[in-house]
Amino acid sequence: MVRFYHGCGPQAHLAADLIVEVREGRAALVKALKNEQEHWGSLGVMMDRLDRACEVMERATLLAEGEPDARRRRRVTAAGTGGRGRPRAR
């Protein structure tokens, strides 16, 4: 948005200078926020890659131990069995 101030004098020049200063400050803030978002976005991508690598290592470890299905083991443990098979009757 562009505003033109008509008139002359120190008040009109001061108002115009203040508005320019505020706009420049807002532009700098927007730029800083965009840079920060890009930084956090790249960290999120790296964390996703690390999570996938950890899942692959977990599956490989369970397969090496003889566990055929890592997902079933987690599901049964989460059901409150302590990893011993079927869920307990309550």
C-alpha atoms as a PDB file:
ATOM      1  CA  MET A   1       0.000   0.000   0.000  1.00  0.00           C
ATOM      2  CA  VAL A   2       1.369   3.386  -0.959  1.00  0.00           C
ATOM      3  CA  ARG A   3       0.216   6.563   0.681  1.00  0.00           C
ATOM      4  CA  PHE A   4       1.031  10.038  -0.428  1.00  0.00           C
ATOM      5  CA  TYR A   5       1.156  12.825   2.086  1.00  0.00           C
ATOM      6  CA  HIS A   6       0.225  16.226   0.768  1.00  0.00           C
ATOM      7  CA  GLY A   7       1.563  19.272   2.259  1.00  0.00           C
ATOM      8  CA  CYS A   8       4.926  20.320   3.403  1.00  0.00           C
ATOM      9  CA  GLY A   9       6.563  21.103   6.602  1.00  0.00           C
ATOM     10  CA  PRO A  10       8.443  19.203   9.239  1.00  0.00           C
ATOM     11  CA  GLN A  11       5.396  17.210  10.426  1.00  0.00           C
ATOM     12  CA  ALA A  12       4.694  15.804   6.943  1.00  0.00           C
ATOM     13  CA  HIS A  13       8.337  14.869   6.403  1.00  0.00           C
ATOM     14  CA  LEU A  14       8.568  13.297   9.861  1.00  0.00           C
ATOM     15  CA  ALA A  15       5.414  11.225   9.254  1.00  0.00           C
ATOM     16  CA  ALA A  16       6.751  10.007   5.906  1.00  0.00           C
ATOM     17  CA  ASP A  17      10.122   9.113   7.426  1.00  0.00           C
ATOM     18  CA  LEU A  18       8.492   7.203  10.288  1.00  0.00           C
ATOM     19  CA  ILE A  19       6.308   5.220   7.908  1.00  0.00           C
ATOM     20  CA  VAL A  20       9.319   4.269   5.773  1.00  0.00           C
ATOM     21  CA  GLU A  21      11.180   3.203   8.905  1.00  0.00           C
ATOM     22  CA  VAL A  22       8.280   1.021  10.079  1.00  0.00           C
ATOM     23  CA  ARG A  23       7.941  -0.613   6.635  1.00  0.00           C
ATOM     24  CA  GLU A  24      11.658  -1.382   6.519  1.00  0.00           C
ATOM     25  CA  GLY A  25      11.482  -2.874  10.014  1.00  0.00           C
ATOM     26  CA  ARG A  26       8.557  -5.104   9.046  1.00  0.00           C
ATOM     27  CA  ALA A  27      10.357  -6.220   5.874  1.00  0.00           C
ATOM     28  CA  ALA A  28      13.440  -7.148   7.911  1.00  0.00           C
ATOM     29  CA  LEU A  29      11.288  -9.107  10.367  1.00  0.00           C
ATOM     30  CA  VAL A  30       9.542 -10.998   7.569  1.00  0.00           C
ATOM     31  CA  LYS A  31      12.901 -11.865   6.009  1.00  0.00           C
ATOM     32  CA  ALA A  32      14.261 -13.111   9.348  1.00  0.00           C
ATOM     33  CA  LEU A  33      11.169 -15.264   9.931  1.00  0.00           C
ATOM     34  CA  LYS A  34      11.431 -16.813   6.459  1.00  0.00           C
ATOM     35  CA  ASN A  35      15.090 -17.639   7.057  1.00  0.00           C
ATOM     36  CA  GLU A  36      14.239 -19.228  10.393  1.00  0.00           C
ATOM     37  CA  GLN A  37      11.441 -21.307   8.844  1.00  0.00           C
ATOM     38  CA  GLU A  38      13.816 -22.577   6.163  1.00  0.00           C
ATOM     39  CA  HIS A  39      16.325 -23.512   8.850  1.00  0.00           C
ATOM     40  CA  TRP A  40      13.763 -25.446  10.919  1.00  0.00           C
ATOM     41  CA  GLY A  41      12.367 -27.064   7.771  1.00  0.00           C
ATOM     42  CA  SER A  42      15.779 -28.453   6.854  1.00  0.00           C
ATOM     43  CA  LEU A  43      16.213 -29.767  10.410  1.00  0.00           C
ATOM     44  CA  GLY A  44      12.842 -31.504  10.128  1.00  0.00           C
ATOM     45  CA  VAL A  45      13.952 -33.250   6.936  1.00  0.00           C
ATOM     46  CA  MET A  46      17.135 -34.432   8.650  1.00  0.00           C
ATOM     47  CA  MET A  47      15.147 -35.740  11.640  1.00  0.00           C
ATOM     48  CA  ASP A  48      12.810 -37.659   9.312  1.00  0.00           C
ATOM     49  CA  ARG A  49      15.808 -39.286   7.641  1.00  0.00           C
ATOM     50  CA  LEU A  50      17.276 -40.193  11.023  1.00  0.00           C
ATOM     51  CA  ASP A  51      13.953 -41.709  12.133  1.00  0.00           C
ATOM     52  CA  ARG A  52      13.794 -43.859   8.991  1.00  0.00           C
ATOM     53  CA  ALA A  53      17.403 -44.997   9.497  1.00  0.00           C
ATOM     54  CA  CYS A  54      16.647 -45.930  13.122  1.00  0.00           C
ATOM     55  CA  GLU A  55      13.596 -47.928  12.050  1.00  0.00           C
ATOM     56  CA  VAL A  56      15.678 -49.838   9.498  1.00  0.00           C
ATOM     57  CA  MET A  57      18.311 -50.582  12.144  1.00  0.00           C
ATOM     58  CA  GLU A  58      15.629 -51.709  14.598  1.00  0.00           C
ATOM     59  CA  ARG A  59      14.093 -54.085  12.053  1.00  0.00           C
ATOM     60  CA  ALA A  60      17.529 -55.444  11.139  1.00  0.00           C
ATOM     61  CA  THR A  61      18.348 -56.059  14.807  1.00  0.00           C
ATOM     62  CA  LEU A  62      15.051 -57.841  15.441  1.00  0.00           C
ATOM     63  CA  LEU A  63      15.471 -59.981  12.343  1.00  0.00           C
ATOM     64  CA  ALA A  64      19.004 -60.871  13.423  1.00  0.00           C
ATOM     65  CA  GLU A  65      17.598 -61.949  16.823  1.00  0.00           C
ATOM     66  CA  GLY A  66      15.070 -64.177  15.088  1.00  0.00           C
ATOM     67  CA  GLU A  67      11.967 -61.988  15.453  1.00  0.00           C
ATOM     68  CA  PRO A  68      10.081 -62.307  12.133  1.00  0.00           C
ATOM     69  CA  ASP A  69       7.789 -59.281  12.498  1.00  0.00           C
ATOM     70  CA  ALA A  70       8.930 -56.253  14.475  1.00  0.00           C
ATOM     71  CA  ARG A  71       5.532 -54.545  14.218  1.00  0.00           C
ATOM     72  CA  ARG A  72       3.693 -57.453  15.854  1.00  0.00           C
ATOM     73  CA  ARG A  73       6.135 -57.447  18.747  1.00  0.00           C
ATOM     74  CA  ARG A  74       5.513 -53.778  19.447  1.00  0.00           C
ATOM     75  CA  ARG A  75       1.740 -54.188  19.160  1.00  0.00           C
ATOM     76  CA  VAL A  76       1.627 -57.120  21.576  1.00  0.00           C
ATOM     77  CA  THR A  77       3.871 -55.350  24.053  1.00  0.00           C
ATOM     78  CA  ALA A  78       1.679 -52.253  23.848  1.00  0.00           C
ATOM     79  CA  ALA A  79      -1.409 -54.373  24.639  1.00  0.00           C
ATOM     80  CA  GLY A  80      -0.050 -55.068  28.122  1.00  0.00           C
ATOM     81  CA  THR A  81       1.328 -58.589  27.778  1.00  0.00           C
ATOM     82  CA  GLY A  82       4.913 -57.820  28.596  1.00  0.00           C
ATOM     83  CA  GLY A  83       5.963 -59.386  25.304  1.00  0.00           C
ATOM     84  CA  ARG A  84       4.805 -62.935  26.243  1.00  0.00           C
ATOM     85  CA  GLY A  85       2.239 -63.568  23.516  1.00  0.00           C
ATOM     86  CA  ARG A  86      -1.502 -63.092  23.771  1.00  0.00           C
ATOM     87  CA  PRO A  87      -3.036 -60.261  25.793  1.00  0.00           C
ATOM     88  CA  ARG A  88      -4.154 -61.183  29.289  1.00  0.00           C
ATOM     89  CA  ALA A  89      -7.855 -61.567  30.030  1.00  0.00           C
ATOM     90  CA  ARG A  90      -9.156 -58.993  32.448  1.00  0.00           C
END
